[in-house]
């Protein structure tokens, strides 16, 4: 089965499962990029090393969070293909997501803290 056909079946299955239109749109973009890179080959012919090469090439211009999204899509597509019996072995099974940087917490301004306190007093009076 070609990558394009696998994507069509995968998308139909996820639509039935109730995935949001935004998720499906993001996955559609990822599938187009994957198909463009591999030239719509048979999904069973894609190897782990080829996927790693594709992701390594992508990592040059992607933030870790964007690369992680791409990896999650690839893992999901190949896991689904394996579970549905379209491929015998899942080449994406051993691919890991990149480490995410720690986010700096957002702090409330003095004005926001005052609004929060006022809201608590109003709530307690009710």
N, C-alpha and C. Protein backbone atom coordinates (compact mmCIF):
# COMPACT_ATOMS: atom_id res chain seq x y z
N UNK A 1 0.84 -1.18 0.00
CA UNK A 1 0.00 0.00 0.00
C UNK A 1 0.89 1.25 0.00
N UNK A 2 0.53 2.21 -0.87
CA UNK A 2 1.28 3.45 -0.98
C UNK A 2 0.98 4.36 0.21
N UNK A 3 1.89 5.29 0.47
CA UNK A 3 1.72 6.23 1.58
C UNK A 3 0.43 7.05 1.44
N UNK A 4 0.10 7.46 0.21
CA UNK A 4 -1.11 8.26 0.02
C UNK A 4 -2.36 7.47 0.39
N UNK A 5 -2.42 6.22 0.01
CA UNK A 5 -3.58 5.38 0.34
C UNK A 5 -3.63 5.14 1.85
N UNK A 6 -2.47 4.89 2.46
CA UNK A 6 -2.41 4.69 3.92
C UNK A 6 -2.93 5.94 4.63
N UNK A 7 -2.52 7.11 4.15
CA UNK A 7 -2.98 8.36 4.76
C UNK A 7 -4.50 8.49 4.64
N UNK A 8 -5.05 8.20 3.46
CA UNK A 8 -6.50 8.31 3.26
C UNK A 8 -7.27 7.41 4.24
N UNK A 9 -6.82 6.18 4.38
CA UNK A 9 -7.48 5.25 5.30
C UNK A 9 -7.30 5.68 6.75
N UNK A 10 -6.11 6.13 7.08
CA UNK A 10 -5.81 6.61 8.44
C UNK A 10 -6.70 7.81 8.77
N UNK A 11 -6.78 8.76 7.85
CA UNK A 11 -7.60 9.96 8.09
C UNK A 11 -9.07 9.58 8.29
N UNK A 12 -9.58 8.67 7.46
CA UNK A 12 -10.97 8.22 7.61
C UNK A 12 -11.19 7.59 8.97
N UNK A 13 -10.26 6.77 9.40
CA UNK A 13 -10.37 6.10 10.70
C UNK A 13 -10.37 7.11 11.84
N UNK A 14 -9.48 8.09 11.76
CA UNK A 14 -9.39 9.11 12.82
C UNK A 14 -10.61 10.03 12.81
N UNK A 15 -11.17 10.27 11.64
CA UNK A 15 -12.38 11.08 11.54
C UNK A 15 -13.53 10.35 12.25
N UNK A 16 -13.61 9.04 12.05
CA UNK A 16 -14.63 8.22 12.72
C UNK A 16 -14.42 8.24 14.23
N UNK A 17 -13.16 8.23 14.66
CA UNK A 17 -12.85 8.26 16.10
C UNK A 17 -13.16 9.62 16.73
N UNK A 18 -13.43 10.63 15.91
CA UNK A 18 -13.81 11.92 16.45
C UNK A 18 -12.67 12.90 16.62
N UNK A 19 -11.57 12.71 15.89
CA UNK A 19 -10.48 13.69 15.97
C UNK A 19 -10.99 15.04 15.48
N UNK A 20 -10.50 16.11 16.07
CA UNK A 20 -10.95 17.45 15.72
C UNK A 20 -10.47 17.82 14.31
N UNK A 21 -11.21 18.72 13.65
CA UNK A 21 -10.79 19.18 12.32
C UNK A 21 -9.39 19.81 12.33
N UNK A 22 -9.05 20.50 13.43
CA UNK A 22 -7.72 21.12 13.52
C UNK A 22 -6.62 20.05 13.57
N UNK A 23 -6.86 18.98 14.33
CA UNK A 23 -5.88 17.90 14.42
C UNK A 23 -5.72 17.24 13.06
N UNK A 24 -6.82 16.98 12.39
CA UNK A 24 -6.76 16.34 11.08
C UNK A 24 -6.05 17.24 10.06
N UNK A 25 -6.28 18.53 10.16
CA UNK A 25 -5.61 19.48 9.26
C UNK A 25 -4.10 19.45 9.49
N UNK A 26 -3.69 19.45 10.76
CA UNK A 26 -2.26 19.40 11.09
C UNK A 26 -1.65 18.09 10.62
N UNK A 27 -2.37 16.98 10.81
CA UNK A 27 -1.88 15.68 10.36
C UNK A 27 -1.80 15.62 8.84
N UNK A 28 -2.76 16.26 8.15
CA UNK A 28 -2.75 16.28 6.68
C UNK A 28 -1.48 16.95 6.18
N UNK A 29 -1.10 18.06 6.81
CA UNK A 29 0.14 18.74 6.44
C UNK A 29 1.34 17.83 6.66
N UNK A 30 1.38 17.17 7.81
CA UNK A 30 2.50 16.27 8.09
C UNK A 30 2.55 15.13 7.09
N UNK A 31 1.38 14.62 6.69
CA UNK A 31 1.37 13.51 5.72
C UNK A 31 1.88 13.99 4.36
N UNK A 32 1.50 15.20 3.95
CA UNK A 32 1.98 15.74 2.68
C UNK A 32 3.50 15.88 2.68
N UNK A 33 4.03 16.36 3.79
CA UNK A 33 5.49 16.50 3.90
C UNK A 33 6.18 15.15 3.85
N UNK A 34 5.61 14.17 4.53
CA UNK A 34 6.18 12.82 4.55
C UNK A 34 6.13 12.21 3.15
N UNK A 35 5.00 12.32 2.48
CA UNK A 35 4.84 11.77 1.14
C UNK A 35 5.76 12.48 0.15
N UNK A 36 5.88 13.78 0.29
CA UNK A 36 6.79 14.54 -0.58
C UNK A 36 8.23 14.07 -0.41
N UNK A 37 8.62 13.83 0.83
CA UNK A 37 10.00 13.40 1.09
C UNK A 37 10.27 12.00 0.54
N UNK A 38 9.33 11.07 0.73
CA UNK A 38 9.54 9.68 0.32
C UNK A 38 8.99 9.35 -1.07
N UNK A 39 8.38 10.33 -1.75
CA UNK A 39 7.86 10.13 -3.10
C UNK A 39 6.79 9.05 -3.18
N UNK A 40 5.89 8.98 -2.23
CA UNK A 40 4.75 8.08 -2.23
C UNK A 40 5.14 6.62 -2.48
N UNK A 41 6.10 6.15 -1.72
CA UNK A 41 6.52 4.75 -1.82
C UNK A 41 5.54 3.86 -1.07
N UNK A 42 5.76 2.58 -1.13
CA UNK A 42 4.97 1.64 -0.35
C UNK A 42 5.28 1.86 1.12
N UNK A 43 4.25 1.90 1.95
CA UNK A 43 4.46 2.17 3.38
C UNK A 43 5.30 1.06 4.02
N UNK A 44 5.22 -0.14 3.49
CA UNK A 44 5.99 -1.25 4.03
C UNK A 44 7.47 -1.17 3.72
N UNK A 45 7.86 -0.33 2.76
CA UNK A 45 9.27 -0.23 2.39
C UNK A 45 10.03 0.81 3.20
N UNK A 46 9.33 1.61 3.99
CA UNK A 46 9.98 2.66 4.78
C UNK A 46 10.65 2.03 6.00
N UNK A 47 11.93 2.36 6.21
CA UNK A 47 12.69 1.78 7.32
C UNK A 47 12.86 2.80 8.45
N UNK A 48 13.26 2.28 9.59
CA UNK A 48 13.53 3.15 10.74
C UNK A 48 14.63 4.15 10.41
N UNK A 49 15.69 3.68 9.75
CA UNK A 49 16.79 4.58 9.41
C UNK A 49 16.35 5.68 8.45
N UNK A 50 15.47 5.36 7.51
CA UNK A 50 14.96 6.38 6.60
C UNK A 50 14.14 7.42 7.36
N UNK A 51 13.31 6.96 8.29
CA UNK A 51 12.51 7.89 9.10
C UNK A 51 13.41 8.78 9.95
N UNK A 52 14.44 8.18 10.53
CA UNK A 52 15.38 8.97 11.34
C UNK A 52 16.09 10.01 10.49
N UNK A 53 16.45 9.63 9.26
CA UNK A 53 17.09 10.58 8.35
C UNK A 53 16.17 11.74 8.00
N UNK A 54 14.91 11.42 7.75
CA UNK A 54 13.91 12.45 7.45
C UNK A 54 13.74 13.39 8.64
N UNK A 55 13.66 12.84 9.83
CA UNK A 55 13.48 13.66 11.03
C UNK A 55 14.74 14.47 11.34
N UNK A 56 15.90 13.90 11.11
CA UNK A 56 17.15 14.63 11.35
C UNK A 56 17.24 15.82 10.39
N UNK A 57 16.86 15.61 9.14
CA UNK A 57 16.86 16.68 8.16
C UNK A 57 15.86 17.76 8.57
N UNK A 58 14.71 17.35 9.06
CA UNK A 58 13.67 18.30 9.50
C UNK A 58 14.09 19.08 10.73
N UNK A 59 14.87 18.44 11.60
CA UNK A 59 15.21 19.06 12.88
C UNK A 59 16.07 20.30 12.73
N UNK A 60 16.69 20.46 11.57
CA UNK A 60 17.55 21.62 11.34
C UNK A 60 16.75 22.92 11.42
N UNK A 61 15.52 22.91 10.89
CA UNK A 61 14.73 24.14 10.83
C UNK A 61 13.48 24.12 11.70
N UNK A 62 13.31 23.10 12.54
CA UNK A 62 12.12 23.02 13.40
C UNK A 62 12.48 23.20 14.87
N UNK A 63 11.57 23.80 15.61
CA UNK A 63 11.72 23.86 17.06
C UNK A 63 11.46 22.46 17.61
N UNK A 64 11.98 22.16 18.80
CA UNK A 64 11.74 20.83 19.38
C UNK A 64 10.26 20.46 19.48
N UNK A 65 9.40 21.43 19.79
CA UNK A 65 7.97 21.12 19.91
C UNK A 65 7.37 20.75 18.55
N UNK A 66 7.80 21.43 17.48
CA UNK A 66 7.31 21.11 16.14
C UNK A 66 7.83 19.77 15.67
N UNK A 67 9.08 19.48 15.99
CA UNK A 67 9.65 18.18 15.64
C UNK A 67 8.93 17.07 16.40
N UNK A 68 8.60 17.33 17.66
CA UNK A 68 7.88 16.35 18.47
C UNK A 68 6.50 16.07 17.88
N UNK A 69 5.83 17.11 17.38
CA UNK A 69 4.52 16.92 16.73
C UNK A 69 4.67 16.04 15.49
N UNK A 70 5.70 16.28 14.70
CA UNK A 70 5.94 15.48 13.50
C UNK A 70 6.20 14.03 13.88
N UNK A 71 6.97 13.82 14.92
CA UNK A 71 7.28 12.45 15.37
C UNK A 71 6.01 11.76 15.86
N UNK A 72 5.18 12.46 16.63
CA UNK A 72 3.93 11.85 17.11
C UNK A 72 3.03 11.43 15.95
N UNK A 73 2.96 12.27 14.91
CA UNK A 73 2.16 11.89 13.74
C UNK A 73 2.73 10.64 13.08
N UNK A 74 4.02 10.62 12.84
CA UNK A 74 4.65 9.47 12.18
C UNK A 74 4.44 8.21 12.99
N UNK A 75 4.66 8.31 14.31
CA UNK A 75 4.47 7.13 15.17
C UNK A 75 3.02 6.66 15.12
N UNK A 76 2.09 7.58 15.12
CA UNK A 76 0.67 7.23 15.09
C UNK A 76 0.30 6.57 13.77
N UNK A 77 0.74 7.14 12.65
CA UNK A 77 0.44 6.58 11.34
C UNK A 77 0.99 5.16 11.19
N UNK A 78 2.24 4.97 11.57
CA UNK A 78 2.85 3.65 11.41
C UNK A 78 2.31 2.64 12.42
N UNK A 79 1.99 3.09 13.63
CA UNK A 79 1.37 2.19 14.61
C UNK A 79 0.01 1.73 14.11
N UNK A 80 -0.78 2.66 13.58
CA UNK A 80 -2.09 2.34 13.02
C UNK A 80 -1.94 1.35 11.85
N UNK A 81 -0.98 1.63 10.96
CA UNK A 81 -0.75 0.74 9.80
C UNK A 81 -0.38 -0.67 10.25
N UNK A 82 0.42 -0.74 11.31
CA UNK A 82 0.83 -2.05 11.84
C UNK A 82 -0.37 -2.77 12.47
N UNK A 83 -1.13 -2.04 13.28
CA UNK A 83 -2.29 -2.65 13.95
C UNK A 83 -3.37 -3.08 12.96
N UNK A 84 -3.50 -2.36 11.85
CA UNK A 84 -4.48 -2.71 10.82
C UNK A 84 -3.99 -3.82 9.90
N UNK A 85 -2.72 -4.21 10.03
CA UNK A 85 -2.17 -5.28 9.22
C UNK A 85 -1.64 -4.86 7.86
N UNK A 86 -1.46 -3.55 7.66
CA UNK A 86 -0.94 -3.07 6.38
C UNK A 86 0.57 -3.23 6.29
N UNK A 87 1.24 -3.25 7.43
CA UNK A 87 2.68 -3.50 7.48
C UNK A 87 2.95 -4.53 8.57
N UNK A 88 4.01 -5.32 8.37
CA UNK A 88 4.32 -6.38 9.34
C UNK A 88 5.10 -5.86 10.54
N UNK A 89 5.93 -4.84 10.31
CA UNK A 89 6.76 -4.29 11.38
C UNK A 89 6.61 -2.78 11.40
N UNK A 90 6.57 -2.21 12.60
CA UNK A 90 6.43 -0.77 12.75
C UNK A 90 7.82 -0.12 12.82
N UNK A 91 8.24 0.56 11.74
CA UNK A 91 9.58 1.17 11.74
C UNK A 91 9.69 2.40 12.65
N UNK A 92 8.57 2.95 13.09
CA UNK A 92 8.59 4.15 13.94
C UNK A 92 8.55 3.83 15.42
N UNK A 93 8.47 2.54 15.76
CA UNK A 93 8.29 2.14 17.16
C UNK A 93 9.42 2.62 18.07
N UNK A 94 10.64 2.66 17.58
CA UNK A 94 11.78 2.99 18.43
C UNK A 94 12.20 4.46 18.34
N UNK A 95 11.47 5.24 17.59
CA UNK A 95 11.80 6.67 17.47
C UNK A 95 11.29 7.40 18.70
N UNK A 96 12.14 8.24 19.26
CA UNK A 96 11.79 8.96 20.49
C UNK A 96 11.66 10.45 20.19
N UNK A 97 10.83 11.10 21.00
CA UNK A 97 10.63 12.55 20.86
C UNK A 97 11.82 13.29 21.47
N UNK A 98 12.12 14.50 20.95
CA UNK A 98 13.22 15.28 21.53
C UNK A 98 12.84 15.79 22.92
N UNK A 99 13.85 16.06 23.69
CA UNK A 99 13.61 16.64 25.02
C UNK A 99 13.09 18.05 24.83
N UNK A 100 12.12 18.40 25.65
CA UNK A 100 11.54 19.73 25.60
C UNK A 100 12.25 20.63 26.60
N UNK A 101 12.45 21.87 26.21
CA UNK A 101 13.05 22.83 27.13
C UNK A 101 12.06 23.18 28.23
N UNK A 102 12.57 23.62 29.34
CA UNK A 102 11.69 24.02 30.44
C UNK A 102 11.11 25.39 30.14
N UNK A 103 9.82 25.52 30.38
CA UNK A 103 9.16 26.80 30.16
C UNK A 103 9.31 27.67 31.40
N UNK A 104 9.46 28.94 31.15
CA UNK A 104 9.53 29.90 32.24
C UNK A 104 8.09 30.20 32.66
N UNK A 105 7.78 30.05 33.95
CA UNK A 105 6.39 30.29 34.38
C UNK A 105 6.00 31.75 34.22
N UNK A 106 4.72 31.95 33.90
CA UNK A 106 4.21 33.32 33.80
C UNK A 106 3.77 33.77 35.19
N UNK A 107 4.08 34.99 35.52
CA UNK A 107 3.69 35.55 36.81
C UNK A 107 2.58 36.55 36.61
N UNK A 108 1.73 36.68 37.62
CA UNK A 108 0.66 37.66 37.58
C UNK A 108 1.21 39.04 37.90
N UNK A 109 0.66 40.04 37.25
CA UNK A 109 1.03 41.42 37.58
C UNK A 109 0.32 41.80 38.88
N UNK A 110 0.74 42.90 39.48
CA UNK A 110 0.09 43.36 40.72
C UNK A 110 -1.40 43.63 40.48
N UNK A 111 -1.71 44.18 39.35
CA UNK A 111 -3.10 44.49 39.03
C UNK A 111 -3.92 43.19 38.90
N UNK A 112 -3.36 42.17 38.26
CA UNK A 112 -4.06 40.89 38.12
C UNK A 112 -4.27 40.22 39.49
N UNK A 113 -3.28 40.35 40.35
CA UNK A 113 -3.41 39.79 41.71
C UNK A 113 -4.53 40.50 42.46
N UNK A 114 -4.61 41.81 42.31
CA UNK A 114 -5.66 42.58 42.97
C UNK A 114 -7.04 42.19 42.45
N UNK A 115 -7.17 42.00 41.15
CA UNK A 115 -8.44 41.55 40.57
C UNK A 115 -8.83 40.17 41.10
N UNK A 116 -7.85 39.31 41.23
CA UNK A 116 -8.09 37.96 41.75
C UNK A 116 -8.57 38.03 43.21
N UNK A 117 -7.92 38.87 44.01
CA UNK A 117 -8.34 39.03 45.41
C UNK A 117 -9.75 39.56 45.51
N UNK A 118 -10.05 40.55 44.70
CA UNK A 118 -11.40 41.13 44.70
C UNK A 118 -12.44 40.09 44.32
N UNK A 119 -12.13 39.28 43.35
CA UNK A 119 -13.06 38.23 42.92
C UNK A 119 -13.29 37.22 44.04
N UNK A 120 -12.27 36.93 44.82
CA UNK A 120 -12.42 36.00 45.95
C UNK A 120 -13.34 36.60 47.02
N UNK A 121 -13.18 37.89 47.31
CA UNK A 121 -14.04 38.53 48.29
C UNK A 121 -15.49 38.53 47.83
N UNK A 122 -15.73 38.82 46.56
CA UNK A 122 -17.09 38.84 46.02
C UNK A 122 -17.69 37.43 46.10
N UNK A 123 -16.90 36.45 45.77
CA UNK A 123 -17.38 35.05 45.80
C UNK A 123 -17.72 34.62 47.21
N UNK A 124 -16.91 35.02 48.20
CA UNK A 124 -17.18 34.64 49.60
C UNK A 124 -18.43 35.31 50.15
N UNK A 125 -18.78 36.48 49.63
CA UNK A 125 -19.99 37.18 50.11
C UNK A 125 -21.27 36.54 49.59
N UNK A 126 -21.17 35.78 48.51
CA UNK A 126 -22.36 35.15 47.94
C UNK A 126 -22.78 34.02 48.78
